[in-house]
Amino acid sequence: SFFAYLKLQDNYRLLDAGAALGFG
């Protein structure tokens, strides 16, 4: 989850593909 990622940014690098993000 992005919530988890925000807490783990020091340990992980976000990828620019594969996300679940959108409208509705």
mmCIF file of all heavy atoms, coordinates in Angstrom:
data_MODEL
# 
_entry.id   MODEL 
# 
loop_
_atom_site.group_PDB 
_atom_site.id 
_atom_site.type_symbol 
_atom_site.label_atom_id 
_atom_site.label_alt_id 
_atom_site.label_comp_id 
_atom_site.label_asym_id 
_atom_site.label_entity_id 
_atom_site.label_seq_id 
_atom_site.pdbx_PDB_ins_code 
_atom_site.Cartn_x 
_atom_site.Cartn_y 
_atom_site.Cartn_z 
_atom_site.occupancy 
_atom_site.B_iso_or_equiv 
_atom_site.pdbx_formal_charge 
_atom_site.auth_seq_id 
_atom_site.auth_comp_id 
_atom_site.auth_asym_id 
_atom_site.auth_atom_id 
_atom_site.pdbx_PDB_model_num 
ATOM 1   N N   . SER A 1 1  ? 0.842   -1.192 0.000   1.00 0.00 ? 1  SER A N   1 
ATOM 2   C CA  . SER A 1 1  ? 0.000   0.000  0.000   1.00 0.00 ? 1  SER A CA  1 
ATOM 3   C C   . SER A 1 1  ? 0.880   1.245  0.000   1.00 0.00 ? 1  SER A C   1 
ATOM 4   O O   . SER A 1 1  ? 1.976   1.241  0.567   1.00 0.00 ? 1  SER A O   1 
ATOM 5   C CB  . SER A 1 1  ? -0.903  0.011  1.236   1.00 0.00 ? 1  SER A CB  1 
ATOM 6   O OG  . SER A 1 1  ? -1.751  -1.114 1.266   1.00 0.00 ? 1  SER A OG  1 
ATOM 7   N N   . PHE A 1 2  ? 0.374   2.308  -0.584  1.00 0.00 ? 2  PHE A N   1 
ATOM 8   C CA  . PHE A 1 2  ? 1.141   3.555  -0.559  1.00 0.00 ? 2  PHE A CA  1 
ATOM 9   C C   . PHE A 1 2  ? 1.328   4.065  0.871   1.00 0.00 ? 2  PHE A C   1 
ATOM 10  O O   . PHE A 1 2  ? 2.339   4.697  1.172   1.00 0.00 ? 2  PHE A O   1 
ATOM 11  C CB  . PHE A 1 2  ? 0.461   4.626  -1.421  1.00 0.00 ? 2  PHE A CB  1 
ATOM 12  C CG  . PHE A 1 2  ? 0.955   4.650  -2.844  1.00 0.00 ? 2  PHE A CG  1 
ATOM 13  C CD1 . PHE A 1 2  ? 0.168   4.181  -3.871  1.00 0.00 ? 2  PHE A CD1 1 
ATOM 14  C CD2 . PHE A 1 2  ? 2.219   5.131  -3.146  1.00 0.00 ? 2  PHE A CD2 1 
ATOM 15  C CE1 . PHE A 1 2  ? 0.616   4.199  -5.179  1.00 0.00 ? 2  PHE A CE1 1 
ATOM 16  C CE2 . PHE A 1 2  ? 2.689   5.146  -4.448  1.00 0.00 ? 2  PHE A CE2 1 
ATOM 17  C CZ  . PHE A 1 2  ? 1.880   4.679  -5.476  1.00 0.00 ? 2  PHE A CZ  1 
ATOM 18  N N   . PHE A 1 3  ? 0.379   3.792  1.753   1.00 0.00 ? 3  PHE A N   1 
ATOM 19  C CA  . PHE A 1 3  ? 0.543   4.177  3.151   1.00 0.00 ? 3  PHE A CA  1 
ATOM 20  C C   . PHE A 1 3  ? 1.769   3.494  3.745   1.00 0.00 ? 3  PHE A C   1 
ATOM 21  O O   . PHE A 1 3  ? 2.600   4.123  4.409   1.00 0.00 ? 3  PHE A O   1 
ATOM 22  C CB  . PHE A 1 3  ? -0.722  3.825  3.928   1.00 0.00 ? 3  PHE A CB  1 
ATOM 23  C CG  . PHE A 1 3  ? -0.736  4.294  5.364   1.00 0.00 ? 3  PHE A CG  1 
ATOM 24  C CD1 . PHE A 1 3  ? 0.088   5.323  5.801   1.00 0.00 ? 3  PHE A CD1 1 
ATOM 25  C CD2 . PHE A 1 3  ? -1.605  3.710  6.283   1.00 0.00 ? 3  PHE A CD2 1 
ATOM 26  C CE1 . PHE A 1 3  ? 0.058   5.755  7.133   1.00 0.00 ? 3  PHE A CE1 1 
ATOM 27  C CE2 . PHE A 1 3  ? -1.658  4.133  7.603   1.00 0.00 ? 3  PHE A CE2 1 
ATOM 28  C CZ  . PHE A 1 3  ? -0.817  5.154  8.024   1.00 0.00 ? 3  PHE A CZ  1 
ATOM 29  N N   . ALA A 1 4  ? 1.896   2.191  3.483   1.00 0.00 ? 4  ALA A N   1 
ATOM 30  C CA  . ALA A 1 4  ? 3.067   1.456  3.972   1.00 0.00 ? 4  ALA A CA  1 
ATOM 31  C C   . ALA A 1 4  ? 4.339   2.006  3.338   1.00 0.00 ? 4  ALA A C   1 
ATOM 32  O O   . ALA A 1 4  ? 5.364   2.184  4.020   1.00 0.00 ? 4  ALA A O   1 
ATOM 33  C CB  . ALA A 1 4  ? 2.922   -0.031 3.666   1.00 0.00 ? 4  ALA A CB  1 
ATOM 34  N N   . TYR A 1 5  ? 4.273   2.297  2.035   1.00 0.00 ? 5  TYR A N   1 
ATOM 35  C CA  . TYR A 1 5  ? 5.461   2.814  1.355   1.00 0.00 ? 5  TYR A CA  1 
ATOM 36  C C   . TYR A 1 5  ? 5.917   4.137  1.972   1.00 0.00 ? 5  TYR A C   1 
ATOM 37  O O   . TYR A 1 5  ? 7.136   4.369  2.141   1.00 0.00 ? 5  TYR A O   1 
ATOM 38  C CB  . TYR A 1 5  ? 5.189   3.002  -0.135  1.00 0.00 ? 5  TYR A CB  1 
ATOM 39  C CG  . TYR A 1 5  ? 6.299   3.752  -0.824  1.00 0.00 ? 5  TYR A CG  1 
ATOM 40  C CD1 . TYR A 1 5  ? 7.529   3.135  -1.066  1.00 0.00 ? 5  TYR A CD1 1 
ATOM 41  C CD2 . TYR A 1 5  ? 6.149   5.096  -1.184  1.00 0.00 ? 5  TYR A CD2 1 
ATOM 42  C CE1 . TYR A 1 5  ? 8.572   3.845  -1.649  1.00 0.00 ? 5  TYR A CE1 1 
ATOM 43  C CE2 . TYR A 1 5  ? 7.179   5.790  -1.769  1.00 0.00 ? 5  TYR A CE2 1 
ATOM 44  C CZ  . TYR A 1 5  ? 8.387   5.168  -2.003  1.00 0.00 ? 5  TYR A CZ  1 
ATOM 45  O OH  . TYR A 1 5  ? 9.422   5.870  -2.578  1.00 0.00 ? 5  TYR A OH  1 
ATOM 46  N N   . LEU A 1 6  ? 4.981   5.006  2.315   1.00 0.00 ? 6  LEU A N   1 
ATOM 47  C CA  . LEU A 1 6  ? 5.356   6.289  2.897   1.00 0.00 ? 6  LEU A CA  1 
ATOM 48  C C   . LEU A 1 6  ? 6.116   6.098  4.208   1.00 0.00 ? 6  LEU A C   1 
ATOM 49  O O   . LEU A 1 6  ? 6.949   6.931  4.572   1.00 0.00 ? 6  LEU A O   1 
ATOM 50  C CB  . LEU A 1 6  ? 4.115   7.156  3.123   1.00 0.00 ? 6  LEU A CB  1 
ATOM 51  C CG  . LEU A 1 6  ? 3.396   7.641  1.865   1.00 0.00 ? 6  LEU A CG  1 
ATOM 52  C CD1 . LEU A 1 6  ? 2.143   8.426  2.234   1.00 0.00 ? 6  LEU A CD1 1 
ATOM 53  C CD2 . LEU A 1 6  ? 4.316   8.483  0.981   1.00 0.00 ? 6  LEU A CD2 1 
ATOM 54  N N   . LYS A 1 7  ? 5.837   5.016  4.911   1.00 0.00 ? 7  LYS A N   1 
ATOM 55  C CA  . LYS A 1 7  ? 6.562   4.728  6.149   1.00 0.00 ? 7  LYS A CA  1 
ATOM 56  C C   . LYS A 1 7  ? 7.883   4.003  5.901   1.00 0.00 ? 7  LYS A C   1 
ATOM 57  O O   . LYS A 1 7  ? 8.735   3.939  6.790   1.00 0.00 ? 7  LYS A O   1 
ATOM 58  C CB  . LYS A 1 7  ? 5.683   3.879  7.075   1.00 0.00 ? 7  LYS A CB  1 
ATOM 59  C CG  . LYS A 1 7  ? 4.527   4.644  7.709   1.00 0.00 ? 7  LYS A CG  1 
ATOM 60  C CD  . LYS A 1 7  ? 3.708   3.739  8.606   1.00 0.00 ? 7  LYS A CD  1 
ATOM 61  C CE  . LYS A 1 7  ? 2.708   4.530  9.435   1.00 0.00 ? 7  LYS A CE  1 
ATOM 62  N NZ  . LYS A 1 7  ? 3.330   5.284  10.539  1.00 0.00 ? 7  LYS A NZ  1 
ATOM 63  N N   . LEU A 1 8  ? 8.060   3.454  4.704   1.00 0.00 ? 8  LEU A N   1 
ATOM 64  C CA  . LEU A 1 8  ? 9.224   2.611  4.413   1.00 0.00 ? 8  LEU A CA  1 
ATOM 65  C C   . LEU A 1 8  ? 10.128  3.185  3.324   1.00 0.00 ? 8  LEU A C   1 
ATOM 66  O O   . LEU A 1 8  ? 10.938  2.461  2.750   1.00 0.00 ? 8  LEU A O   1 
ATOM 67  C CB  . LEU A 1 8  ? 8.741   1.213  3.981   1.00 0.00 ? 8  LEU A CB  1 
ATOM 68  C CG  . LEU A 1 8  ? 8.060   0.372  5.057   1.00 0.00 ? 8  LEU A CG  1 
ATOM 69  C CD1 . LEU A 1 8  ? 7.430   -0.871 4.443   1.00 0.00 ? 8  LEU A CD1 1 
ATOM 70  C CD2 . LEU A 1 8  ? 9.063   -0.024 6.139   1.00 0.00 ? 8  LEU A CD2 1 
ATOM 71  N N   . GLN A 1 9  ? 10.022  4.467  3.070   1.00 0.00 ? 9  GLN A N   1 
ATOM 72  C CA  . GLN A 1 9  ? 10.781  5.062  1.971   1.00 0.00 ? 9  GLN A CA  1 
ATOM 73  C C   . GLN A 1 9  ? 12.289  4.910  2.129   1.00 0.00 ? 9  GLN A C   1 
ATOM 74  O O   . GLN A 1 9  ? 13.010  4.849  1.133   1.00 0.00 ? 9  GLN A O   1 
ATOM 75  C CB  . GLN A 1 9  ? 10.435  6.549  1.852   1.00 0.00 ? 9  GLN A CB  1 
ATOM 76  C CG  . GLN A 1 9  ? 9.030   6.816  1.393   1.00 0.00 ? 9  GLN A CG  1 
ATOM 77  C CD  . GLN A 1 9  ? 8.736   8.299  1.299   1.00 0.00 ? 9  GLN A CD  1 
ATOM 78  O OE1 . GLN A 1 9  ? 9.178   8.978  0.387   1.00 0.00 ? 9  GLN A OE1 1 
ATOM 79  N NE2 . GLN A 1 9  ? 7.985   8.819  2.259   1.00 0.00 ? 9  GLN A NE2 1 
ATOM 80  N N   . ASP A 1 10 ? 12.760  4.844  3.351   1.00 0.00 ? 10 ASP A N   1 
ATOM 81  C CA  . ASP A 1 10 ? 14.207  4.686  3.568   1.00 0.00 ? 10 ASP A CA  1 
ATOM 82  C C   . ASP A 1 10 ? 14.688  3.299  3.157   1.00 0.00 ? 10 ASP A C   1 
ATOM 83  O O   . ASP A 1 10 ? 15.884  3.108  2.891   1.00 0.00 ? 10 ASP A O   1 
ATOM 84  C CB  . ASP A 1 10 ? 14.550  4.920  5.050   1.00 0.00 ? 10 ASP A CB  1 
ATOM 85  C CG  . ASP A 1 10 ? 14.399  6.371  5.455   1.00 0.00 ? 10 ASP A CG  1 
ATOM 86  O OD1 . ASP A 1 10 ? 14.352  7.237  4.561   1.00 0.00 ? 10 ASP A OD1 1 
ATOM 87  O OD2 . ASP A 1 10 ? 14.313  6.634  6.672   1.00 0.00 ? 10 ASP A OD2 1 
ATOM 88  N N   . ASN A 1 11 ? 13.766  2.334  3.094   1.00 0.00 ? 11 ASN A N   1 
ATOM 89  C CA  . ASN A 1 11 ? 14.141  0.944  2.823   1.00 0.00 ? 11 ASN A CA  1 
ATOM 90  C C   . ASN A 1 11 ? 13.790  0.468  1.416   1.00 0.00 ? 11 ASN A C   1 
ATOM 91  O O   . ASN A 1 11 ? 14.270  -0.585 0.988   1.00 0.00 ? 11 ASN A O   1 
ATOM 92  C CB  . ASN A 1 11 ? 13.467  0.012  3.835   1.00 0.00 ? 11 ASN A CB  1 
ATOM 93  C CG  . ASN A 1 11 ? 13.852  0.344  5.262   1.00 0.00 ? 11 ASN A CG  1 
ATOM 94  O OD1 . ASN A 1 11 ? 14.980  0.733  5.535   1.00 0.00 ? 11 ASN A OD1 1 
ATOM 95  N ND2 . ASN A 1 11 ? 12.910  0.205  6.176   1.00 0.00 ? 11 ASN A ND2 1 
ATOM 96  N N   . TYR A 1 12 ? 12.937  1.213  0.722   1.00 0.00 ? 12 TYR A N   1 
ATOM 97  C CA  . TYR A 1 12 ? 12.463  0.775  -0.588  1.00 0.00 ? 12 TYR A CA  1 
ATOM 98  C C   . TYR A 1 12 ? 12.564  1.900  -1.612  1.00 0.00 ? 12 TYR A C   1 
ATOM 99  O O   . TYR A 1 12 ? 12.482  3.076  -1.280  1.00 0.00 ? 12 TYR A O   1 
ATOM 100 C CB  . TYR A 1 12 ? 11.007  0.305  -0.509  1.00 0.00 ? 12 TYR A CB  1 
ATOM 101 C CG  . TYR A 1 12 ? 10.837  -1.028 0.185   1.00 0.00 ? 12 TYR A CG  1 
ATOM 102 C CD1 . TYR A 1 12 ? 10.692  -1.085 1.572   1.00 0.00 ? 12 TYR A CD1 1 
ATOM 103 C CD2 . TYR A 1 12 ? 10.828  -2.219 -0.526  1.00 0.00 ? 12 TYR A CD2 1 
ATOM 104 C CE1 . TYR A 1 12 ? 10.538  -2.295 2.229   1.00 0.00 ? 12 TYR A CE1 1 
ATOM 105 C CE2 . TYR A 1 12 ? 10.675  -3.437 0.120   1.00 0.00 ? 12 TYR A CE2 1 
ATOM 106 C CZ  . TYR A 1 12 ? 10.535  -3.465 1.491   1.00 0.00 ? 12 TYR A CZ  1 
ATOM 107 O OH  . TYR A 1 12 ? 10.392  -4.669 2.132   1.00 0.00 ? 12 TYR A OH  1 
ATOM 108 N N   . ARG A 1 13 ? 12.690  1.494  -2.858  1.00 0.00 ? 13 ARG A N   1 
ATOM 109 C CA  . ARG A 1 13 ? 12.681  2.429  -3.985  1.00 0.00 ? 13 ARG A CA  1 
ATOM 110 C C   . ARG A 1 13 ? 11.431  2.169  -4.826  1.00 0.00 ? 13 ARG A C   1 
ATOM 111 O O   . ARG A 1 13 ? 11.192  1.045  -5.282  1.00 0.00 ? 13 ARG A O   1 
ATOM 112 C CB  . ARG A 1 13 ? 13.941  2.243  -4.838  1.00 0.00 ? 13 ARG A CB  1 
ATOM 113 C CG  . ARG A 1 13 ? 14.052  3.168  -6.047  1.00 0.00 ? 13 ARG A CG  1 
ATOM 114 C CD  . ARG A 1 13 ? 14.443  4.579  -5.630  1.00 0.00 ? 13 ARG A CD  1 
ATOM 115 N NE  . ARG A 1 13 ? 14.639  5.439  -6.789  1.00 0.00 ? 13 ARG A NE  1 
ATOM 116 C CZ  . ARG A 1 13 ? 15.797  5.598  -7.422  1.00 0.00 ? 13 ARG A CZ  1 
ATOM 117 N NH1 . ARG A 1 13 ? 16.878  4.937  -6.998  1.00 0.00 ? 13 ARG A NH1 1 
ATOM 118 N NH2 . ARG A 1 13 ? 15.910  6.402  -8.470  1.00 0.00 ? 13 ARG A NH2 1 
ATOM 119 N N   . LEU A 1 14 ? 10.627  3.184  -5.000  1.00 0.00 ? 14 LEU A N   1 
ATOM 120 C CA  . LEU A 1 14 ? 9.384   3.074  -5.749  1.00 0.00 ? 14 LEU A CA  1 
ATOM 121 C C   . LEU A 1 14 ? 9.666   2.838  -7.226  1.00 0.00 ? 14 LEU A C   1 
ATOM 122 O O   . LEU A 1 14 ? 10.540  3.478  -7.819  1.00 0.00 ? 14 LEU A O   1 
ATOM 123 C CB  . LEU A 1 14 ? 8.577   4.369  -5.570  1.00 0.00 ? 14 LEU A CB  1 
ATOM 124 C CG  . LEU A 1 14 ? 7.226   4.452  -6.271  1.00 0.00 ? 14 LEU A CG  1 
ATOM 125 C CD1 . LEU A 1 14 ? 6.244   3.470  -5.655  1.00 0.00 ? 14 LEU A CD1 1 
ATOM 126 C CD2 . LEU A 1 14 ? 6.681   5.881  -6.177  1.00 0.00 ? 14 LEU A CD2 1 
ATOM 127 N N   . LEU A 1 15 ? 8.910   1.911  -7.831  1.00 0.00 ? 15 LEU A N   1 
ATOM 128 C CA  . LEU A 1 15 ? 9.004   1.702  -9.274  1.00 0.00 ? 15 LEU A CA  1 
ATOM 129 C C   . LEU A 1 15 ? 7.936   2.523  -9.983  1.00 0.00 ? 15 LEU A C   1 
ATOM 130 O O   . LEU A 1 15 ? 6.870   2.809  -9.426  1.00 0.00 ? 15 LEU A O   1 
ATOM 131 C CB  . LEU A 1 15 ? 8.834   0.215  -9.618  1.00 0.00 ? 15 LEU A CB  1 
ATOM 132 C CG  . LEU A 1 15 ? 9.935   -0.732 -9.144  1.00 0.00 ? 15 LEU A CG  1 
ATOM 133 C CD1 . LEU A 1 15 ? 9.682   -2.148 -9.664  1.00 0.00 ? 15 LEU A CD1 1 
ATOM 134 C CD2 . LEU A 1 15 ? 11.314  -0.254 -9.606  1.00 0.00 ? 15 LEU A CD2 1 
ATOM 135 N N   . ASP A 1 16 ? 8.225   2.868  -11.222 1.00 0.00 ? 16 ASP A N   1 
ATOM 136 C CA  . ASP A 1 16 ? 7.326   3.720  -11.997 1.00 0.00 ? 16 ASP A CA  1 
ATOM 137 C C   . ASP A 1 16 ? 6.281   2.898  -12.746 1.00 0.00 ? 16 ASP A C   1 
ATOM 138 O O   . ASP A 1 16 ? 5.522   3.446  -13.541 1.00 0.00 ? 16 ASP A O   1 
ATOM 139 C CB  . ASP A 1 16 ? 8.154   4.549  -12.986 1.00 0.00 ? 16 ASP A CB  1 
ATOM 140 C CG  . ASP A 1 16 ? 7.358   5.693  -13.594 1.00 0.00 ? 16 ASP A CG  1 
ATOM 141 O OD1 . ASP A 1 16 ? 6.532   6.287  -12.876 1.00 0.00 ? 16 ASP A OD1 1 
ATOM 142 O OD2 . ASP A 1 16 ? 7.547   5.977  -14.793 1.00 0.00 ? 16 ASP A OD2 1 
ATOM 143 N N   . ALA A 1 17 ? 6.244   1.599  -12.524 1.00 0.00 ? 17 ALA A N   1 
ATOM 144 C CA  . ALA A 1 17 ? 5.286   0.727  -13.212 1.00 0.00 ? 17 ALA A CA  1 
ATOM 145 C C   . ALA A 1 17 ? 4.639   -0.212 -12.202 1.00 0.00 ? 17 ALA A C   1 
ATOM 146 O O   . ALA A 1 17 ? 5.239   -0.568 -11.191 1.00 0.00 ? 17 ALA A O   1 
ATOM 147 C CB  . ALA A 1 17 ? 5.982   -0.081 -14.311 1.00 0.00 ? 17 ALA A CB  1 
ATOM 148 N N   . GLY A 1 18 ? 3.392   -0.598 -12.481 1.00 0.00 ? 18 GLY A N   1 
ATOM 149 C CA  . GLY A 1 18 ? 2.714   -1.583 -11.650 1.00 0.00 ? 18 GLY A CA  1 
ATOM 150 C C   . GLY A 1 18 ? 1.838   -1.015 -10.556 1.00 0.00 ? 18 GLY A C   1 
ATOM 151 O O   . GLY A 1 18 ? 1.250   -1.772 -9.781  1.00 0.00 ? 18 GLY A O   1 
ATOM 152 N N   . ALA A 1 19 ? 1.700   0.298  -10.484 1.00 0.00 ? 19 ALA A N   1 
ATOM 153 C CA  . ALA A 1 19 ? 0.936   0.906  -9.384  1.00 0.00 ? 19 ALA A CA  1 
ATOM 154 C C   . ALA A 1 19 ? -0.570  0.777  -9.616  1.00 0.00 ? 19 ALA A C   1 
ATOM 155 O O   . ALA A 1 19 ? -1.050  0.671  -10.748 1.00 0.00 ? 19 ALA A O   1 
ATOM 156 C CB  . ALA A 1 19 ? 1.311   2.372  -9.231  1.00 0.00 ? 19 ALA A CB  1 
ATOM 157 N N   . ALA A 1 20 ? -1.316  0.792  -8.525  1.00 0.00 ? 20 ALA A N   1 
ATOM 158 C CA  . ALA A 1 20 ? -2.778  0.884  -8.559  1.00 0.00 ? 20 ALA A CA  1 
ATOM 159 C C   . ALA A 1 20 ? -3.128  2.302  -8.130  1.00 0.00 ? 20 ALA A C   1 
ATOM 160 O O   . ALA A 1 20 ? -3.030  2.640  -6.947  1.00 0.00 ? 20 ALA A O   1 
ATOM 161 C CB  . ALA A 1 20 ? -3.411  -0.143 -7.636  1.00 0.00 ? 20 ALA A CB  1 
ATOM 162 N N   . LEU A 1 21 ? -3.501  3.097  -9.104  1.00 0.00 ? 21 LEU A N   1 
ATOM 163 C CA  . LEU A 1 21 ? -3.716  4.522  -8.861  1.00 0.00 ? 21 LEU A CA  1 
ATOM 164 C C   . LEU A 1 21 ? -4.694  5.011  -9.917  1.00 0.00 ? 21 LEU A C   1 
ATOM 165 O O   . LEU A 1 21 ? -4.547  4.677  -11.090 1.00 0.00 ? 21 LEU A O   1 
ATOM 166 C CB  . LEU A 1 21 ? -2.366  5.245  -8.961  1.00 0.00 ? 21 LEU A CB  1 
ATOM 167 C CG  . LEU A 1 21 ? -2.265  6.715  -8.647  1.00 0.00 ? 21 LEU A CG  1 
ATOM 168 C CD1 . LEU A 1 21 ? -0.882  7.017  -8.055  1.00 0.00 ? 21 LEU A CD1 1 
ATOM 169 C CD2 . LEU A 1 21 ? -2.446  7.555  -9.902  1.00 0.00 ? 21 LEU A CD2 1 
ATOM 170 N N   . GLY A 1 22 ? -5.694  5.772  -9.514  1.00 0.00 ? 22 GLY A N   1 
ATOM 171 C CA  . GLY A 1 22 ? -6.629  6.231  -10.522 1.00 0.00 ? 22 GLY A CA  1 
ATOM 172 C C   . GLY A 1 22 ? -7.797  6.988  -9.950  1.00 0.00 ? 22 GLY A C   1 
ATOM 173 O O   . GLY A 1 22 ? -7.861  7.299  -8.760  1.00 0.00 ? 22 GLY A O   1 
ATOM 174 N N   . PHE A 1 23 ? -8.740  7.278  -10.822 1.00 0.00 ? 23 PHE A N   1 
ATOM 175 C CA  . PHE A 1 23 ? -9.971  7.970  -10.452 1.00 0.00 ? 23 PHE A CA  1 
ATOM 176 C C   . PHE A 1 23 ? -11.108 6.956  -10.341 1.00 0.00 ? 23 PHE A C   1 
ATOM 177 O O   . PHE A 1 23 ? -11.165 5.971  -11.077 1.00 0.00 ? 23 PHE A O   1 
ATOM 178 C CB  . PHE A 1 23 ? -10.328 9.019  -11.503 1.00 0.00 ? 23 PHE A CB  1 
ATOM 179 C CG  . PHE A 1 23 ? -9.348  10.160 -11.594 1.00 0.00 ? 23 PHE A CG  1 
ATOM 180 C CD1 . PHE A 1 23 ? -8.346  10.160 -12.552 1.00 0.00 ? 23 PHE A CD1 1 
ATOM 181 C CD2 . PHE A 1 23 ? -9.430  11.227 -10.714 1.00 0.00 ? 23 PHE A CD2 1 
ATOM 182 C CE1 . PHE A 1 23 ? -7.441  11.207 -12.648 1.00 0.00 ? 23 PHE A CE1 1 
ATOM 183 C CE2 . PHE A 1 23 ? -8.527  12.287 -10.792 1.00 0.00 ? 23 PHE A CE2 1 
ATOM 184 C CZ  . PHE A 1 23 ? -7.533  12.277 -11.757 1.00 0.00 ? 23 PHE A CZ  1 
ATOM 185 N N   . GLY A 1 24 ? -12.011 7.197  -9.407  1.00 0.00 ? 24 GLY A N   1 
ATOM 186 C CA  . GLY A 1 24 ? -13.189 6.346  -9.277  1.00 0.00 ? 24 GLY A CA  1 
ATOM 187 C C   . GLY A 1 24 ? -12.899 4.950  -8.788  1.00 0.00 ? 24 GLY A C   1 
ATOM 188 O O   . GLY A 1 24 ? -13.671 4.024  -9.051  1.00 0.00 ? 24 GLY A O   1 
# 
